[in-house]
Amino acid sequence: MRILDPAGNLIIGEGGTFMANDQTLQYTYKTAIEFNGEAKRFTLDWTNRSAFESGTYTVILYTDGYTMGRGSFSLK
């Protein structure tokens, strides 16, 4: 998971890297999710080490070396 702050900067979490879409990327948070092909809800618990700013954040999820999904949320 990569989280971009309202300015478009990556929020660095654990500081590791991974390969996705033929690029080496840093991640905000990494975990394994067991997926067996059935629709399920998953919750990722992550704590930001810094205070959140107001604005819109982008969350990008990856799996097996590719972008899996993207979303955003806004904080006032």
PDB file of N, CA and C in Angstrom:
ATOM      1  N   MET A   1       0.861  -1.170   0.000  1.00  0.00           N
ATOM      2  CA  MET A   1       0.000   0.000   0.000  1.00  0.00           C
ATOM      3  C   MET A   1       0.900   1.223   0.000  1.00  0.00           C
ATOM      4  N   ARG A   2       0.556   2.164  -0.862  1.00  0.00           N
ATOM      5  CA  ARG A   2       1.236   3.452  -0.892  1.00  0.00           C
ATOM      6  C   ARG A   2       0.191   4.524  -0.612  1.00  0.00           C
ATOM      7  N   ILE A   3       0.522   5.471   0.264  1.00  0.00           N
ATOM      8  CA  ILE A   3      -0.369   6.582   0.564  1.00  0.00           C
ATOM      9  C   ILE A   3       0.359   7.870   0.211  1.00  0.00           C
ATOM     10  N   LEU A   4      -0.274   8.674  -0.625  1.00  0.00           N
ATOM     11  CA  LEU A   4       0.276   9.962  -1.030  1.00  0.00           C
ATOM     12  C   LEU A   4      -0.464  11.067  -0.298  1.00  0.00           C
ATOM     13  N   ASP A   5       0.295  12.014   0.263  1.00  0.00           N
ATOM     14  CA  ASP A   5      -0.323  13.119   0.994  1.00  0.00           C
ATOM     15  C   ASP A   5      -0.927  14.129   0.016  1.00  0.00           C
ATOM     16  N   PRO A   6      -1.603  15.171   0.496  1.00  0.00           N
ATOM     17  CA  PRO A   6      -2.252  16.127  -0.400  1.00  0.00           C
ATOM     18  C   PRO A   6      -1.300  16.819  -1.385  1.00  0.00           C
ATOM     19  N   ALA A   7       0.001  16.896  -1.055  1.00  0.00           N
ATOM     20  CA  ALA A   7       0.985  17.497  -1.955  1.00  0.00           C
ATOM     21  C   ALA A   7       1.527  16.478  -2.959  1.00  0.00           C
ATOM     22  N   GLY A   8       1.102  15.212  -2.849  1.00  0.00           N
ATOM     23  CA  GLY A   8       1.559  14.174  -3.767  1.00  0.00           C
ATOM     24  C   GLY A   8       2.808  13.452  -3.306  1.00  0.00           C
ATOM     25  N   ASN A   9       3.244  13.707  -2.068  1.00  0.00           N
ATOM     26  CA  ASN A   9       4.428  13.042  -1.515  1.00  0.00           C
ATOM     27  C   ASN A   9       4.050  11.718  -0.871  1.00  0.00           C
ATOM     28  N   LEU A  10       4.878  10.717  -1.078  1.00  0.00           N
ATOM     29  CA  LEU A  10       4.646   9.410  -0.468  1.00  0.00           C
ATOM     30  C   LEU A  10       4.856   9.507   1.032  1.00  0.00           C
ATOM     31  N   ILE A  11       3.913   8.971   1.792  1.00  0.00           N
ATOM     32  CA  ILE A  11       4.091   8.850   3.233  1.00  0.00           C
ATOM     33  C   ILE A  11       4.907   7.580   3.444  1.00  0.00           C
ATOM     34  N   ILE A  12       6.126   7.764   3.936  1.00  0.00           N
ATOM     35  CA  ILE A  12       7.028   6.633   4.142  1.00  0.00           C
ATOM     36  C   ILE A  12       6.664   5.959   5.455  1.00  0.00           C
ATOM     37  N   GLY A  13       6.442   4.676   5.386  1.00  0.00           N
ATOM     38  CA  GLY A  13       6.104   3.929   6.588  1.00  0.00           C
ATOM     39  C   GLY A  13       7.296   3.128   7.046  1.00  0.00           C
ATOM     40  N   GLU A  14       7.320   1.874   6.678  1.00  0.00           N
ATOM     41  CA  GLU A  14       8.363   0.959   7.100  1.00  0.00           C
ATOM     42  C   GLU A  14       9.664   1.151   6.324  1.00  0.00           C
ATOM     43  N   GLY A  15       9.597   1.838   5.194  1.00  0.00           N
ATOM     44  CA  GLY A  15      10.794   2.160   4.440  1.00  0.00           C
ATOM     45  C   GLY A  15      11.282   1.109   3.466  1.00  0.00           C
ATOM     46  N   GLY A  16      10.503   0.085   3.209  1.00  0.00           N
ATOM     47  CA  GLY A  16      10.922  -0.953   2.279  1.00  0.00           C
ATOM     48  C   GLY A  16      10.545  -0.637   0.843  1.00  0.00           C
ATOM     49  N   THR A  17      10.997  -1.489  -0.080  1.00  0.00           N
ATOM     50  CA  THR A  17      10.681  -1.331  -1.494  1.00  0.00           C
ATOM     51  C   THR A  17      10.084  -2.619  -2.041  1.00  0.00           C
ATOM     52  N   PHE A  18       9.454  -2.500  -3.205  1.00  0.00           N
ATOM     53  CA  PHE A  18       8.872  -3.645  -3.901  1.00  0.00           C
ATOM     54  C   PHE A  18       8.848  -3.334  -5.384  1.00  0.00           C
ATOM     55  N   MET A  19       8.652  -4.346  -6.191  1.00  0.00           N
ATOM     56  CA  MET A  19       8.558  -4.174  -7.645  1.00  0.00           C
ATOM     57  C   MET A  19       7.092  -4.197  -8.060  1.00  0.00           C
ATOM     58  N   ALA A  20       6.698  -3.212  -8.857  1.00  0.00           N
ATOM     59  CA  ALA A  20       5.342  -3.192  -9.411  1.00  0.00           C
ATOM     60  C   ALA A  20       5.370  -2.403 -10.707  1.00  0.00           C
ATOM     61  N   ASN A  21       4.665  -2.888 -11.685  1.00  0.00           N
ATOM     62  CA  ASN A  21       4.563  -2.215 -12.976  1.00  0.00           C
ATOM     63  C   ASN A  21       5.953  -1.894 -13.532  1.00  0.00           C
ATOM     64  N   ASP A  22       6.886  -2.848 -13.372  1.00  0.00           N
ATOM     65  CA  ASP A  22       8.267  -2.733 -13.856  1.00  0.00           C
ATOM     66  C   ASP A  22       9.042  -1.572 -13.236  1.00  0.00           C
ATOM     67  N   GLN A  23       8.707  -1.213 -11.995  1.00  0.00           N
ATOM     68  CA  GLN A  23       9.404  -0.158 -11.273  1.00  0.00           C
ATOM     69  C   GLN A  23       9.695  -0.618  -9.845  1.00  0.00           C
ATOM     70  N   THR A  24      10.755  -0.097  -9.261  1.00  0.00           N
ATOM     71  CA  THR A  24      11.005  -0.297  -7.841  1.00  0.00           C
ATOM     72  C   THR A  24      10.366   0.867  -7.103  1.00  0.00           C
ATOM     73  N   LEU A  25       9.456   0.563  -6.194  1.00  0.00           N
ATOM     74  CA  LEU A  25       8.701   1.584  -5.472  1.00  0.00           C
ATOM     75  C   LEU A  25       8.876   1.406  -3.966  1.00  0.00           C
ATOM     76  N   GLN A  26       8.794   2.501  -3.225  1.00  0.00           N
ATOM     77  CA  GLN A  26       8.747   2.424  -1.774  1.00  0.00           C
ATOM     78  C   GLN A  26       7.297   2.259  -1.359  1.00  0.00           C
ATOM     79  N   TYR A  27       7.085   1.596  -0.246  1.00  0.00           N
ATOM     80  CA  TYR A  27       5.716   1.434   0.227  1.00  0.00           C
ATOM     81  C   TYR A  27       5.510   2.138   1.556  1.00  0.00           C
ATOM     82  N   THR A  28       4.242   2.437   1.832  1.00  0.00           N
ATOM     83  CA  THR A  28       3.854   3.003   3.112  1.00  0.00           C
ATOM     84  C   THR A  28       3.633   1.883   4.118  1.00  0.00           C
ATOM     85  N   TYR A  29       2.974   0.824   3.678  1.00  0.00           N
ATOM     86  CA  TYR A  29       2.643  -0.302   4.557  1.00  0.00           C
ATOM     87  C   TYR A  29       2.572  -1.563   3.714  1.00  0.00           C
ATOM     88  N   LYS A  30       3.031  -2.664   4.284  1.00  0.00           N
ATOM     89  CA  LYS A  30       3.024  -3.932   3.560  1.00  0.00           C
ATOM     90  C   LYS A  30       2.468  -5.022   4.467  1.00  0.00           C
ATOM     91  N   THR A  31       1.595  -5.854   3.919  1.00  0.00           N
ATOM     92  CA  THR A  31       1.055  -6.996   4.637  1.00  0.00           C
ATOM     93  C   THR A  31       0.638  -8.051   3.618  1.00  0.00           C
ATOM     94  N   ALA A  32       0.410  -9.242   4.079  1.00  0.00           N
ATOM     95  CA  ALA A  32      -0.078 -10.320   3.213  1.00  0.00           C
ATOM     96  C   ALA A  32      -1.556 -10.540   3.500  1.00  0.00           C
ATOM     97  N   ILE A  33      -2.313 -10.728   2.443  1.00  0.00           N
ATOM     98  CA  ILE A  33      -3.738 -11.025   2.559  1.00  0.00           C
ATOM     99  C   ILE A  33      -3.995 -12.324   1.817  1.00  0.00           C
ATOM    100  N   GLU A  34      -4.612 -13.264   2.489  1.00  0.00           N
ATOM    101  CA  GLU A  34      -4.931 -14.533   1.863  1.00  0.00           C
ATOM    102  C   GLU A  34      -6.194 -14.364   1.028  1.00  0.00           C
ATOM    103  N   PHE A  35      -6.073 -14.602  -0.258  1.00  0.00           N
ATOM    104  CA  PHE A  35      -7.196 -14.429  -1.176  1.00  0.00           C
ATOM    105  C   PHE A  35      -7.432 -15.743  -1.897  1.00  0.00           C
ATOM    106  N   ASN A  36      -8.674 -16.220  -1.849  1.00  0.00           N
ATOM    107  CA  ASN A  36      -8.989 -17.504  -2.483  1.00  0.00           C
ATOM    108  C   ASN A  36      -9.977 -17.357  -3.638  1.00  0.00           C
ATOM    109  N   GLY A  37     -10.145 -16.134  -4.140  1.00  0.00           N
ATOM    110  CA  GLY A  37     -11.039 -15.922  -5.271  1.00  0.00           C
ATOM    111  C   GLY A  37     -12.444 -15.517  -4.883  1.00  0.00           C
ATOM    112  N   GLU A  38     -12.768 -15.590  -3.583  1.00  0.00           N
ATOM    113  CA  GLU A  38     -14.100 -15.186  -3.123  1.00  0.00           C
ATOM    114  C   GLU A  38     -14.096 -13.717  -2.707  1.00  0.00           C
ATOM    115  N   ALA A  39     -15.220 -13.056  -2.911  1.00  0.00           N
ATOM    116  CA  ALA A  39     -15.357 -11.657  -2.492  1.00  0.00           C
ATOM    117  C   ALA A  39     -15.338 -11.584  -0.967  1.00  0.00           C
ATOM    118  N   LYS A  40     -14.469 -10.746  -0.423  1.00  0.00           N
ATOM    119  CA  LYS A  40     -14.351 -10.564   1.017  1.00  0.00           C
ATOM    120  C   LYS A  40     -14.036  -9.112   1.302  1.00  0.00           C
ATOM    121  N   ARG A  41     -14.298  -8.704   2.537  1.00  0.00           N
ATOM    122  CA  ARG A  41     -13.890  -7.384   3.010  1.00  0.00           C
ATOM    123  C   ARG A  41     -12.619  -7.554   3.820  1.00  0.00           C
ATOM    124  N   PHE A  42     -11.677  -6.643   3.622  1.00  0.00           N
ATOM    125  CA  PHE A  42     -10.442  -6.660   4.375  1.00  0.00           C
ATOM    126  C   PHE A  42     -10.250  -5.311   5.037  1.00  0.00           C
ATOM    127  N   THR A  43      -9.657  -5.311   6.206  1.00  0.00           N
ATOM    128  CA  THR A  43      -9.330  -4.084   6.915  1.00  0.00           C
ATOM    129  C   THR A  43      -7.827  -4.055   7.139  1.00  0.00           C
ATOM    130  N   LEU A  44      -7.202  -2.950   6.773  1.00  0.00           N
ATOM    131  CA  LEU A  44      -5.781  -2.765   7.033  1.00  0.00           C
ATOM    132  C   LEU A  44      -5.649  -1.724   8.129  1.00  0.00           C
ATOM    133  N   ASP A  45      -5.034  -2.099   9.232  1.00  0.00           N
ATOM    134  CA  ASP A  45      -4.795  -1.169  10.331  1.00  0.00           C
ATOM    135  C   ASP A  45      -3.403  -0.577  10.173  1.00  0.00           C
ATOM    136  N   TRP A  46      -3.337   0.719   9.958  1.00  0.00           N
ATOM    137  CA  TRP A  46      -2.071   1.412   9.762  1.00  0.00           C
ATOM    138  C   TRP A  46      -2.133   2.717  10.530  1.00  0.00           C
ATOM    139  N   THR A  47      -1.042   3.073  11.195  1.00  0.00           N
ATOM    140  CA  THR A  47      -0.972   4.325  11.940  1.00  0.00           C
ATOM    141  C   THR A  47       0.089   5.211  11.314  1.00  0.00           C
ATOM    142  N   ASN A  48      -0.293   6.431  10.984  1.00  0.00           N
ATOM    143  CA  ASN A  48       0.651   7.396  10.425  1.00  0.00           C
ATOM    144  C   ASN A  48       1.565   7.884  11.548  1.00  0.00           C
ATOM    145  N   ARG A  49       2.860   7.907  11.312  1.00  0.00           N
ATOM    146  CA  ARG A  49       3.827   8.355  12.322  1.00  0.00           C
ATOM    147  C   ARG A  49       3.795   9.863  12.527  1.00  0.00           C
ATOM    148  N   SER A  50       3.243  10.584  11.571  1.00  0.00           N
ATOM    149  CA  SER A  50       3.143  12.038  11.648  1.00  0.00           C
ATOM    150  C   SER A  50       1.675  12.442  11.684  1.00  0.00           C
ATOM    151  N   ALA A  51       1.440  13.692  12.025  1.00  0.00           N
ATOM    152  CA  ALA A  51       0.062  14.200  12.017  1.00  0.00           C
ATOM    153  C   ALA A  51      -0.430  14.333  10.575  1.00  0.00           C
ATOM    154  N   PHE A  52      -1.696  14.055  10.362  1.00  0.00           N
ATOM    155  CA  PHE A  52      -2.298  14.242   9.046  1.00  0.00           C
ATOM    156  C   PHE A  52      -2.581  15.724   8.819  1.00  0.00           C
ATOM    157  N   GLU A  53      -2.401  16.169   7.580  1.00  0.00           N
ATOM    158  CA  GLU A  53      -2.757  17.528   7.177  1.00  0.00           C
ATOM    159  C   GLU A  53      -4.157  17.486   6.566  1.00  0.00           C
ATOM    160  N   SER A  54      -4.772  18.645   6.463  1.00  0.00           N
ATOM    161  CA  SER A  54      -6.044  18.732   5.736  1.00  0.00           C
ATOM    162  C   SER A  54      -5.765  18.525   4.256  1.00  0.00           C
ATOM    163  N   GLY A  55      -6.710  17.922   3.570  1.00  0.00           N
ATOM    164  CA  GLY A  55      -6.572  17.733   2.127  1.00  0.00           C
ATOM    165  C   GLY A  55      -6.957  16.336   1.698  1.00  0.00           C
ATOM    166  N   THR A  56      -6.710  16.046   0.432  1.00  0.00           N
ATOM    167  CA  THR A  56      -7.082  14.765  -0.158  1.00  0.00           C
ATOM    168  C   THR A  56      -5.858  13.862  -0.279  1.00  0.00           C
ATOM    169  N   TYR A  57      -5.981  12.647   0.239  1.00  0.00           N
ATOM    170  CA  TYR A  57      -4.934  11.644   0.214  1.00  0.00           C
ATOM    171  C   TYR A  57      -5.286  10.580  -0.821  1.00  0.00           C
ATOM    172  N   THR A  58      -4.277  10.015  -1.455  1.00  0.00           N
ATOM    173  CA  THR A  58      -4.470   8.946  -2.424  1.00  0.00           C
ATOM    174  C   THR A  58      -3.901   7.658  -1.861  1.00  0.00           C
ATOM    175  N   VAL A  59      -4.663   6.573  -1.974  1.00  0.00           N
ATOM    176  CA  VAL A  59      -4.232   5.253  -1.518  1.00  0.00           C
ATOM    177  C   VAL A  59      -4.156   4.349  -2.748  1.00  0.00           C
ATOM    178  N   ILE A  60      -3.009   3.688  -2.923  1.00  0.00           N
ATOM    179  CA  ILE A  60      -2.819   2.785  -4.057  1.00  0.00           C
ATOM    180  C   ILE A  60      -2.459   1.408  -3.505  1.00  0.00           C
ATOM    181  N   LEU A  61      -3.181   0.395  -3.945  1.00  0.00           N
ATOM    182  CA  LEU A  61      -2.948  -0.985  -3.512  1.00  0.00           C
ATOM    183  C   LEU A  61      -2.296  -1.774  -4.637  1.00  0.00           C
ATOM    184  N   TYR A  62      -1.410  -2.674  -4.276  1.00  0.00           N
ATOM    185  CA  TYR A  62      -0.681  -3.478  -5.253  1.00  0.00           C
ATOM    186  C   TYR A  62      -0.771  -4.950  -4.877  1.00  0.00           C
ATOM    187  N   THR A  63      -0.695  -5.803  -5.890  1.00  0.00           N
ATOM    188  CA  THR A  63      -0.604  -7.241  -5.670  1.00  0.00           C
ATOM    189  C   THR A  63       0.143  -7.877  -6.830  1.00  0.00           C
ATOM    190  N   ASP A  64       0.943  -8.854  -6.528  1.00  0.00           N
ATOM    191  CA  ASP A  64       1.660  -9.638  -7.538  1.00  0.00           C
ATOM    192  C   ASP A  64       2.354  -8.772  -8.586  1.00  0.00           C
ATOM    193  N   GLY A  65       2.912  -7.645  -8.153  1.00  0.00           N
ATOM    194  CA  GLY A  65       3.684  -6.804  -9.059  1.00  0.00           C
ATOM    195  C   GLY A  65       2.889  -5.841  -9.910  1.00  0.00           C
ATOM    196  N   TYR A  66       1.603  -5.664  -9.614  1.00  0.00           N
ATOM    197  CA  TYR A  66       0.764  -4.771 -10.404  1.00  0.00           C
ATOM    198  C   TYR A  66      -0.150  -3.943  -9.509  1.00  0.00           C
ATOM    199  N   THR A  67      -0.613  -2.819 -10.025  1.00  0.00           N
ATOM    200  CA  THR A  67      -1.571  -1.994  -9.308  1.00  0.00           C
ATOM    201  C   THR A  67      -2.894  -2.747  -9.243  1.00  0.00           C
ATOM    202  N   MET A  68      -3.440  -2.851  -8.031  1.00  0.00           N
ATOM    203  CA  MET A  68      -4.684  -3.585  -7.813  1.00  0.00           C
ATOM    204  C   MET A  68      -5.878  -2.641  -7.724  1.00  0.00           C
ATOM    205  N   GLY A  69      -5.649  -1.471  -7.150  1.00  0.00           N
ATOM    206  CA  GLY A  69      -6.741  -0.523  -6.986  1.00  0.00           C
ATOM    207  C   GLY A  69      -6.232   0.795  -6.459  1.00  0.00           C
ATOM    208  N   ARG A  70      -7.085   1.801  -6.572  1.00  0.00           N
ATOM    209  CA  ARG A  70      -6.721   3.152  -6.164  1.00  0.00           C
ATOM    210  C   ARG A  70      -7.967   3.839  -5.632  1.00  0.00           C
ATOM    211  N   GLY A  71      -7.767   4.658  -4.606  1.00  0.00           N
ATOM    212  CA  GLY A  71      -8.879   5.413  -4.036  1.00  0.00           C
ATOM    213  C   GLY A  71      -8.338   6.648  -3.349  1.00  0.00           C
ATOM    214  N   SER A  72      -9.239   7.434  -2.795  1.00  0.00           N
ATOM    215  CA  SER A  72      -8.801   8.642  -2.097  1.00  0.00           C
ATOM    216  C   SER A  72      -9.756   8.933  -0.953  1.00  0.00           C
ATOM    217  N   PHE A  73      -9.259   9.750  -0.020  1.00  0.00           N
ATOM    218  CA  PHE A  73     -10.099  10.229   1.072  1.00  0.00           C
ATOM    219  C   PHE A  73      -9.649  11.636   1.409  1.00  0.00           C
ATOM    220  N   SER A  74     -10.579  12.429   1.918  1.00  0.00           N
ATOM    221  CA  SER A  74     -10.286  13.823   2.254  1.00  0.00           C
ATOM    222  C   SER A  74     -10.438  14.048   3.740  1.00  0.00           C
ATOM    223  N   LEU A  75      -9.535  14.852   4.289  1.00  0.00           N
ATOM    224  CA  LEU A  75      -9.591  15.244   5.697  1.00  0.00           C
ATOM    225  C   LEU A  75      -9.748  16.756   5.764  1.00  0.00           C
ATOM    226  N   LYS A  76     -10.589  17.214   6.668  1.00  0.00           N
ATOM    227  CA  LYS A  76     -10.800  18.657   6.820  1.00  0.00           C
ATOM    228  C   LYS A  76      -9.919  19.207   7.919  1.00  0.00           C
TER     229      LYS A  76
END
